[in-house]
C-alpha atoms as a PDB file:
ATOM      1  CA  UNK A   1       1.220   7.111   6.496  1.00  0.00           C
ATOM      2  CA  UNK A   2      -0.128   3.537   6.247  1.00  0.00           C
ATOM      3  CA  UNK A   3      -1.305   0.827   1.937  1.00  0.00           C
ATOM      4  CA  UNK A   4      -0.631  -0.304  -2.040  1.00  0.00           C
ATOM      5  CA  UNK A   5       0.008  -3.085  -4.282  1.00  0.00           C
ATOM      6  CA  UNK A   6       3.305  -4.389  -2.033  1.00  0.00           C
ATOM      7  CA  UNK A   7       5.973  -3.663  -1.856  1.00  0.00           C
ATOM      8  CA  UNK A   8       4.529  -0.586  -3.486  1.00  0.00           C
ATOM      9  CA  UNK A   9       2.875   2.838  -2.285  1.00  0.00           C
ATOM     10  CA  UNK A  10       0.597   3.043  -5.814  1.00  0.00           C
ATOM     11  CA  UNK A  11      -1.729  -0.070  -6.199  1.00  0.00           C
ATOM     12  CA  UNK A  12      -3.370  -1.930  -8.758  1.00  0.00           C
ATOM     13  CA  UNK A  13      -7.037  -2.922  -9.925  1.00  0.00           C
ATOM     14  CA  UNK A  14      -6.710  -6.607  -9.455  1.00  0.00           C
ATOM     15  CA  UNK A  15      -8.834  -8.492  -6.700  1.00  0.00           C
ATOM     16  CA  UNK A  16      -8.137 -11.987  -5.450  1.00  0.00           C
ATOM     17  CA  UNK A  17     -10.055 -14.593  -7.017  1.00  0.00           C
ATOM     18  CA  UNK A  18     -12.807 -15.474  -5.855  1.00  0.00           C
ATOM     19  CA  UNK A  19     -12.293 -18.379  -3.222  1.00  0.00           C
ATOM     20  CA  UNK A  20      -8.728 -17.350  -3.305  1.00  0.00           C
ATOM     21  CA  UNK A  21      -6.654 -15.940  -0.252  1.00  0.00           C
ATOM     22  CA  UNK A  22      -3.512 -14.204  -0.010  1.00  0.00           C
ATOM     23  CA  UNK A  23      -1.168 -13.264   3.447  1.00  0.00           C
ATOM     24  CA  UNK A  24       1.484 -11.018   3.846  1.00  0.00           C
ATOM     25  CA  UNK A  25       3.899 -10.744   6.775  1.00  0.00           C
ATOM     26  CA  UNK A  26       5.594  -7.095   6.503  1.00  0.00           C
ATOM     27  CA  UNK A  27       7.522  -4.136   7.946  1.00  0.00           C
ATOM     28  CA  UNK A  28       7.584  -0.425   6.471  1.00  0.00           C
ATOM     29  CA  UNK A  29      10.172   2.545   7.471  1.00  0.00           C
ATOM     30  CA  UNK A  30       9.047   6.196   6.764  1.00  0.00           C
ATOM     31  CA  UNK A  31      11.837   8.242   7.867  1.00  0.00           C
ATOM     32  CA  UNK A  32      11.020  12.425   7.722  1.00  0.00           C
ATOM     33  CA  UNK A  33      12.706  15.296   9.449  1.00  0.00           C
ATOM     34  CA  UNK A  34      10.442  14.862  12.428  1.00  0.00           C
ATOM     35  CA  UNK A  35      11.375  11.250  13.559  1.00  0.00           C
ATOM     36  CA  UNK A  36      10.905   8.462  12.301  1.00  0.00           C
ATOM     37  CA  UNK A  37       7.864   5.714  11.932  1.00  0.00           C
ATOM     38  CA  UNK A  38       8.069   2.100  11.418  1.00  0.00           C
ATOM     39  CA  UNK A  39       5.823  -1.059  11.758  1.00  0.00           C
ATOM     40  CA  UNK A  40       6.874  -3.861  12.975  1.00  0.00           C
ATOM     41  CA  UNK A  41       5.432  -6.580  12.407  1.00  0.00           C
ATOM     42  CA  UNK A  42       2.018  -5.685  10.303  1.00  0.00           C
ATOM     43  CA  UNK A  43      -0.059  -8.604   9.001  1.00  0.00           C
ATOM     44  CA  UNK A  44      -2.903  -8.420   5.785  1.00  0.00           C
ATOM     45  CA  UNK A  45      -5.459 -10.682   4.497  1.00  0.00           C
ATOM     46  CA  UNK A  46      -7.001 -10.144   1.360  1.00  0.00           C
ATOM     47  CA  UNK A  47      -9.758 -12.893   0.426  1.00  0.00           C
ATOM     48  CA  UNK A  48     -11.573 -13.786  -3.051  1.00  0.00           C
ATOM     49  CA  UNK A  49     -15.615 -13.108  -1.797  1.00  0.00           C
ATOM     50  CA  UNK A  50     -17.390 -12.392  -4.542  1.00  0.00           C
ATOM     51  CA  UNK A  51     -16.533 -12.675  -8.525  1.00  0.00           C
ATOM     52  CA  UNK A  52     -13.882  -9.342  -9.199  1.00  0.00           C
ATOM     53  CA  UNK A  53     -14.299  -8.695  -5.459  1.00  0.00           C
ATOM     54  CA  UNK A  54     -11.722  -8.847  -2.670  1.00  0.00           C
ATOM     55  CA  UNK A  55     -12.176  -8.188   1.250  1.00  0.00           C
ATOM     56  CA  UNK A  56      -9.049  -6.769   2.585  1.00  0.00           C
ATOM     57  CA  UNK A  57      -7.561  -6.255   6.347  1.00  0.00           C
ATOM     58  CA  UNK A  58      -3.907  -4.586   8.227  1.00  0.00           C
ATOM     59  CA  UNK A  59      -3.662  -5.108  11.266  1.00  0.00           C
ATOM     60  CA  UNK A  60      -0.131  -3.112  12.087  1.00  0.00           C
ATOM     61  CA  UNK A  61       2.163  -2.927  15.151  1.00  0.00           C
ATOM     62  CA  UNK A  62       3.445   0.449  14.805  1.00  0.00           C
ATOM     63  CA  UNK A  63       6.540   1.913  16.406  1.00  0.00           C
ATOM     64  CA  UNK A  64       6.766   5.683  16.729  1.00  0.00           C
ATOM     65  CA  UNK A  65      10.363   7.566  17.827  1.00  0.00           C
ATOM     66  CA  UNK A  66       9.865  11.236  17.222  1.00  0.00           C
ATOM     67  CA  UNK A  67      13.241  13.002  16.915  1.00  0.00           C
ATOM     68  CA  UNK A  68      14.626  14.186  20.534  1.00  0.00           C
ATOM     69  CA  UNK A  69      11.620  12.047  22.383  1.00  0.00           C
ATOM     70  CA  UNK A  70      11.272   8.764  23.380  1.00  0.00           C
ATOM     71  CA  UNK A  71      10.150   5.939  21.136  1.00  0.00           C
ATOM     72  CA  UNK A  72       6.401   4.061  21.785  1.00  0.00           C
ATOM     73  CA  UNK A  73       5.466   0.941  20.459  1.00  0.00           C
ATOM     74  CA  UNK A  74       1.524  -1.016  20.270  1.00  0.00           C
ATOM     75  CA  UNK A  75      -1.321  -1.528  17.987  1.00  0.00           C
ATOM     76  CA  UNK A  76      -1.547   0.979  15.225  1.00  0.00           C
ATOM     77  CA  UNK A  77      -4.683   1.918  13.081  1.00  0.00           C
ATOM     78  CA  UNK A  78      -5.941  -1.349  11.397  1.00  0.00           C
ATOM     79  CA  UNK A  79      -7.336  -0.777   8.082  1.00  0.00           C
ATOM     80  CA  UNK A  80     -10.198  -2.432   6.127  1.00  0.00           C
ATOM     81  CA  UNK A  81     -11.136  -2.276   3.248  1.00  0.00           C
ATOM     82  CA  UNK A  82     -13.138  -3.664  -0.065  1.00  0.00           C
ATOM     83  CA  UNK A  83     -11.356  -3.789  -3.705  1.00  0.00           C
ATOM     84  CA  UNK A  84     -13.839  -4.492  -6.667  1.00  0.00           C
ATOM     85  CA  UNK A  85     -12.898  -4.424 -10.552  1.00  0.00           C
ATOM     86  CA  UNK A  86     -15.354  -2.483 -12.413  1.00  0.00           C
ATOM     87  CA  UNK A  87     -13.809  -3.637 -15.891  1.00  0.00           C
ATOM     88  CA  UNK A  88     -11.553  -6.208 -17.300  1.00  0.00           C
ATOM     89  CA  UNK A  89      -8.685  -6.014 -19.433  1.00  0.00           C
ATOM     90  CA  UNK A  90      -8.575  -6.125 -23.230  1.00  0.00           C
ATOM     91  CA  UNK A  91      -6.017  -6.081 -26.066  1.00  0.00           C
ATOM     92  CA  UNK A  92      -7.056  -2.231 -26.070  1.00  0.00           C
ATOM     93  CA  UNK A  93      -8.073  -0.669 -23.022  1.00  0.00           C
ATOM     94  CA  UNK A  94      -6.814  -1.364 -19.275  1.00  0.00           C
ATOM     95  CA  UNK A  95      -8.659  -2.754 -16.114  1.00  0.00           C
ATOM     96  CA  UNK A  96     -10.209  -0.452 -13.862  1.00  0.00           C
ATOM     97  CA  UNK A  97     -11.625  -0.901  -9.971  1.00  0.00           C
ATOM     98  CA  UNK A  98     -11.504   1.135  -6.871  1.00  0.00           C
ATOM     99  CA  UNK A  99     -10.453   0.036  -3.252  1.00  0.00           C
ATOM    100  CA  UNK A 100     -12.344   2.239  -0.821  1.00  0.00           C
ATOM    101  CA  UNK A 101     -10.640   1.745   2.633  1.00  0.00           C
ATOM    102  CA  UNK A 102     -11.254   2.803   6.136  1.00  0.00           C
ATOM    103  CA  UNK A 103      -8.333   3.544   8.525  1.00  0.00           C
ATOM    104  CA  UNK A 104      -9.892   2.431  11.898  1.00  0.00           C
ATOM    105  CA  UNK A 105      -8.770   4.610  15.042  1.00  0.00           C
ATOM    106  CA  UNK A 106      -7.795   1.998  17.095  1.00  0.00           C
ATOM    107  CA  UNK A 107      -4.247   2.995  17.790  1.00  0.00           C
ATOM    108  CA  UNK A 108      -3.064   5.413  20.218  1.00  0.00           C
ATOM    109  CA  UNK A 109      -2.890   9.001  18.887  1.00  0.00           C
ATOM    110  CA  UNK A 110      -1.293  10.779  22.104  1.00  0.00           C
ATOM    111  CA  UNK A 111       1.543   8.436  21.759  1.00  0.00           C
ATOM    112  CA  UNK A 112       1.867   8.994  17.819  1.00  0.00           C
ATOM    113  CA  UNK A 113       0.562   5.284  16.962  1.00  0.00           C
ATOM    114  CA  UNK A 114      -2.420   6.304  15.107  1.00  0.00           C
ATOM    115  CA  UNK A 115      -4.978   9.133  13.786  1.00  0.00           C
ATOM    116  CA  UNK A 116      -6.776   9.711  16.599  1.00  0.00           C
ATOM    117  CA  UNK A 117      -9.904   9.455  14.195  1.00  0.00           C
ATOM    118  CA  UNK A 118     -11.090   6.891  11.411  1.00  0.00           C
ATOM    119  CA  UNK A 119     -10.471   8.490   7.795  1.00  0.00           C
ATOM    120  CA  UNK A 120     -10.578   6.954   4.580  1.00  0.00           C
ATOM    121  CA  UNK A 121      -9.063   6.620   1.471  1.00  0.00           C
ATOM    122  CA  UNK A 122     -11.081   6.332  -1.983  1.00  0.00           C
ATOM    123  CA  UNK A 123      -9.273   5.386  -4.586  1.00  0.00           C
ATOM    124  CA  UNK A 124      -9.525   4.295  -8.857  1.00  0.00           C
ATOM    125  CA  UNK A 125      -6.790   2.672 -10.275  1.00  0.00           C
ATOM    126  CA  UNK A 126      -6.294   1.242 -13.950  1.00  0.00           C
ATOM    127  CA  UNK A 127      -3.422  -1.637 -15.179  1.00  0.00           C
ATOM    128  CA  UNK A 128      -2.377  -2.624 -18.545  1.00  0.00           C
ATOM    129  CA  UNK A 129      -0.346  -5.697 -19.323  1.00  0.00           C
ATOM    130  CA  UNK A 130       2.231  -6.279 -22.443  1.00  0.00           C
ATOM    131  CA  UNK A 131       4.520  -9.423 -22.643  1.00  0.00           C
ATOM    132  CA  UNK A 132       6.968  -8.975 -19.482  1.00  0.00           C
ATOM    133  CA  UNK A 133       6.090  -5.784 -18.570  1.00  0.00           C
ATOM    134  CA  UNK A 134       2.962  -4.507 -16.612  1.00  0.00           C
ATOM    135  CA  UNK A 135       2.032  -0.833 -15.963  1.00  0.00           C
ATOM    136  CA  UNK A 136      -0.308   0.583 -13.314  1.00  0.00           C
ATOM    137  CA  UNK A 137      -1.354   3.402 -11.378  1.00  0.00           C
ATOM    138  CA  UNK A 138      -4.399   5.985 -10.568  1.00  0.00           C
ATOM    139  CA  UNK A 139      -5.649   8.748  -8.573  1.00  0.00           C
ATOM    140  CA  UNK A 140      -7.831   9.127  -5.088  1.00  0.00           C
ATOM    141  CA  UNK A 141      -8.575  10.957  -2.277  1.00  0.00           C
ATOM    142  CA  UNK A 142      -7.841  10.961   1.417  1.00  0.00           C
ATOM    143  CA  UNK A 143     -10.821  12.065   4.225  1.00  0.00           C
ATOM    144  CA  UNK A 144      -9.702  12.819   7.410  1.00  0.00           C
ATOM    145  CA  UNK A 145     -11.346  14.338   9.685  1.00  0.00           C
ATOM    146  CA  UNK A 146      -8.894  14.367  12.827  1.00  0.00           C
ATOM    147  CA  UNK A 147      -7.526  17.120  14.500  1.00  0.00           C
ATOM    148  CA  UNK A 148      -4.489  19.194  12.287  1.00  0.00           C
ATOM    149  CA  UNK A 149      -5.476  16.621   9.541  1.00  0.00           C
ATOM    150  CA  UNK A 150      -6.642  17.929   6.298  1.00  0.00           C
ATOM    151  CA  UNK A 151      -8.345  16.068   3.177  1.00  0.00           C
ATOM    152  CA  UNK A 152      -6.186  15.641  -0.080  1.00  0.00           C
ATOM    153  CA  UNK A 153      -5.925  13.988  -3.316  1.00  0.00           C
ATOM    154  CA  UNK A 154      -2.799  12.120  -3.913  1.00  0.00           C
ATOM    155  CA  UNK A 155      -1.866   9.823  -7.679  1.00  0.00           C
ATOM    156  CA  UNK A 156       0.824   7.051  -8.403  1.00  0.00           C
ATOM    157  CA  UNK A 157       2.267   5.485 -11.486  1.00  0.00           C
ATOM    158  CA  UNK A 158       4.440   2.156 -12.138  1.00  0.00           C
ATOM    159  CA  UNK A 159       6.250   0.363 -14.263  1.00  0.00           C
ATOM    160  CA  UNK A 160       7.351  -3.213 -13.976  1.00  0.00           C
ATOM    161  CA  UNK A 161       9.158  -5.954 -15.606  1.00  0.00           C
ATOM    162  CA  UNK A 162       9.729  -9.794 -14.871  1.00  0.00           C
ATOM    163  CA  UNK A 163      13.166 -10.442 -15.416  1.00  0.00           C
ATOM    164  CA  UNK A 164      13.222 -14.346 -16.255  1.00  0.00           C
ATOM    165  CA  UNK A 165      11.113 -16.959 -13.978  1.00  0.00           C
ATOM    166  CA  UNK A 166      11.978 -15.755 -10.633  1.00  0.00           C
ATOM    167  CA  UNK A 167      12.281 -11.859 -10.478  1.00  0.00           C
ATOM    168  CA  UNK A 168      10.239  -8.904 -11.202  1.00  0.00           C
ATOM    169  CA  UNK A 169      11.173  -5.422 -10.194  1.00  0.00           C
ATOM    170  CA  UNK A 170       9.749  -1.862 -10.915  1.00  0.00           C
ATOM    171  CA  UNK A 171       9.713   1.754 -10.186  1.00  0.00           C
ATOM    172  CA  UNK A 172       6.880   4.013  -9.016  1.00  0.00           C
ATOM    173  CA  UNK A 173       6.155   7.862  -9.070  1.00  0.00           C
ATOM    174  CA  UNK A 174       3.877   8.257  -6.276  1.00  0.00           C
ATOM    175  CA  UNK A 175       2.586  12.303  -5.414  1.00  0.00           C
ATOM    176  CA  UNK A 176      -0.016  13.565  -2.446  1.00  0.00           C
ATOM    177  CA  UNK A 177      -1.195  16.742  -1.352  1.00  0.00           C
ATOM    178  CA  UNK A 178      -0.841  18.302   2.159  1.00  0.00           C
ATOM    179  CA  UNK A 179      -1.924  16.081   4.854  1.00  0.00           C
ATOM    180  CA  UNK A 180      -1.658  18.263   7.725  1.00  0.00           C
ATOM    181  CA  UNK A 181      -2.824  21.652   8.162  1.00  0.00           C
ATOM    182  CA  UNK A 182       1.142  22.750   9.186  1.00  0.00           C
ATOM    183  CA  UNK A 183       2.482  20.103   6.335  1.00  0.00           C
ATOM    184  CA  UNK A 184       3.238  20.385   2.672  1.00  0.00           C
ATOM    185  CA  UNK A 185       2.917  17.904  -0.074  1.00  0.00           C
ATOM    186  CA  UNK A 186       5.250  15.385  -1.091  1.00  0.00           C
ATOM    187  CA  UNK A 187       6.140  13.034  -4.193  1.00  0.00           C
ATOM    188  CA  UNK A 188       8.331  10.148  -3.514  1.00  0.00           C
ATOM    189  CA  UNK A 189      10.431   7.483  -6.296  1.00  0.00           C
ATOM    190  CA  UNK A 190      10.328   4.217  -4.718  1.00  0.00           C
ATOM    191  CA  UNK A 191      12.128   0.932  -6.826  1.00  0.00           C
ATOM    192  CA  UNK A 192      11.427  -2.763  -5.681  1.00  0.00           C
ATOM    193  CA  UNK A 193      10.357  -5.797  -6.880  1.00  0.00           C
ATOM    194  CA  UNK A 194       9.579  -9.352  -5.579  1.00  0.00           C
ATOM    195  CA  UNK A 195      11.495 -12.685  -5.663  1.00  0.00           C
ATOM    196  CA  UNK A 196       9.536 -15.764  -6.349  1.00  0.00           C
ATOM    197  CA  UNK A 197      10.493 -18.928  -4.603  1.00  0.00           C
ATOM    198  CA  UNK A 198       7.685 -20.819  -5.540  1.00  0.00           C
ATOM    199  CA  UNK A 199       4.080 -20.268  -7.164  1.00  0.00           C
ATOM    200  CA  UNK A 200       2.528 -19.547  -3.417  1.00  0.00           C
ATOM    201  CA  UNK A 201       5.334 -17.962  -1.523  1.00  0.00           C
ATOM    202  CA  UNK A 202       7.150 -14.433  -2.715  1.00  0.00           C
ATOM    203  CA  UNK A 203       9.788 -11.959  -0.936  1.00  0.00           C
ATOM    204  CA  UNK A 204       8.840  -8.339  -1.617  1.00  0.00           C
ATOM    205  CA  UNK A 205      10.829  -5.381  -1.339  1.00  0.00           C
ATOM    206  CA  UNK A 206      11.296  -1.683  -2.215  1.00  0.00           C
ATOM    207  CA  UNK A 207      12.595   1.699  -0.723  1.00  0.00           C
ATOM    208  CA  UNK A 208      12.732   5.179  -2.271  1.00  0.00           C
ATOM    209  CA  UNK A 209      12.760   8.954  -1.163  1.00  0.00           C
ATOM    210  CA  UNK A 210      10.626  12.226  -1.656  1.00  0.00           C
ATOM    211  CA  UNK A 211      12.422  14.280  -4.643  1.00  0.00           C
ATOM    212  CA  UNK A 212      10.023  17.616  -3.789  1.00  0.00           C
ATOM    213  CA  UNK A 213       7.986  18.716  -0.596  1.00  0.00           C
ATOM    214  CA  UNK A 214       8.127  17.003   2.741  1.00  0.00           C
ATOM    215  CA  UNK A 215      11.439  14.739   2.898  1.00  0.00           C
ATOM    216  CA  UNK A 216      10.148  11.042   3.477  1.00  0.00           C
ATOM    217  CA  UNK A 217      12.631   8.132   3.045  1.00  0.00           C
ATOM    218  CA  UNK A 218      10.618   4.704   2.535  1.00  0.00           C
ATOM    219  CA  UNK A 219      11.021   1.075   2.631  1.00  0.00           C
ATOM    220  CA  UNK A 220       8.769  -2.186   2.484  1.00  0.00           C
ATOM    221  CA  UNK A 221      10.035  -5.632   2.810  1.00  0.00           C
ATOM    222  CA  UNK A 222       7.648  -8.798   3.569  1.00  0.00           C
ATOM    223  CA  UNK A 223       6.743 -12.099   2.738  1.00  0.00           C
ATOM    224  CA  UNK A 224       3.882 -13.250   0.826  1.00  0.00           C
ATOM    225  CA  UNK A 225       1.484 -16.681   0.773  1.00  0.00           C
ATOM    226  CA  UNK A 226      -1.350 -17.222  -1.438  1.00  0.00           C
ATOM    227  CA  UNK A 227      -3.531 -20.136  -0.304  1.00  0.00           C
ATOM    228  CA  UNK A 228      -7.257 -21.612  -1.902  1.00  0.00           C
ATOM    229  CA  UNK A 229      -7.814 -24.478  -4.481  1.00  0.00           C
ATOM    230  CA  UNK A 230      -6.776 -22.464  -7.643  1.00  0.00           C
ATOM    231  CA  UNK A 231      -3.817 -21.031  -6.702  1.00  0.00           C
ATOM    232  CA  UNK A 232      -3.839 -16.842  -7.259  1.00  0.00           C
ATOM    233  CA  UNK A 233      -1.408 -16.004 -10.752  1.00  0.00           C
ATOM    234  CA  UNK A 234       1.562 -14.664  -8.985  1.00  0.00           C
ATOM    235  CA  UNK A 235       2.267 -11.619  -6.990  1.00  0.00           C
ATOM    236  CA  UNK A 236       2.461  -9.742  -9.608  1.00  0.00           C
ATOM    237  CA  UNK A 237      -1.369  -8.976  -9.260  1.00  0.00           C
ATOM    238  CA  UNK A 238      -0.818  -8.499  -4.976  1.00  0.00           C
ATOM    239  CA  UNK A 239      -2.751  -5.452  -3.528  1.00  0.00           C
ATOM    240  CA  UNK A 240      -2.095  -2.443  -1.949  1.00  0.00           C
ATOM    241  CA  UNK A 241      -1.022  -2.446   1.793  1.00  0.00           C
ATOM    242  CA  UNK A 242       0.446   0.845   2.742  1.00  0.00           C
ATOM    243  CA  UNK A 243       0.431   4.427   2.058  1.00  0.00           C
ATOM    244  CA  UNK A 244       3.160   7.065   4.006  1.00  0.00           C
ATOM    245  CA  UNK A 245       1.999   7.058   7.835  1.00  0.00           C
ATOM    246  CA  UNK A 246      -0.135  10.155   8.740  1.00  0.00           C
ATOM    247  CA  UNK A 247       1.513  12.252  11.521  1.00  0.00           C
END
């Protein structure tokens, strides 16, 4: 499956500030009963092109290792998206945003490196903060016309806390419906966070596994940089990069 508010699967509604940018180098891991899919490495770039709006690009190099078969490695499906904040947060109400994304069919589907056809992810995300705590989540729908794939809904919610000036930790519950014609839905519990080396450079990490439905063991490890005249206020408002990889 392929992206979320790194290092988590669930995303947030917060776009990069206008004129600012952020860059990730990361790897993902997704182990199922059929084999292992990973991104080694992948690159994400987000840029604030307008007030409350950002452009989003992910270029992954993926490795597919089906059980009992040879591994394959190469470019995966490129992800393009636009995150737009519809409503700012107030003291009593959350901020709200949308983040439509297209997964372009750039990976070799016959080698297990891509979906085979372009597919779409259409989520709505909400976020509310108080003190050292932040919570965000939402729901969405995937449209996937590739052979053997199905459309499905998904939802996730996350709670995280700043622990001092350097560390933020959090946990999420993420679930989705059946994504293949012969598959099952899944629900995943995931824990992680980020360590702030500086205002503009952070380490991101998470790991989790499914608690019902289709079996998945997942992990994320990456580095994040911000740049621009006025620096983005930390990784806490960072953006979706990955979801569970399509098989």
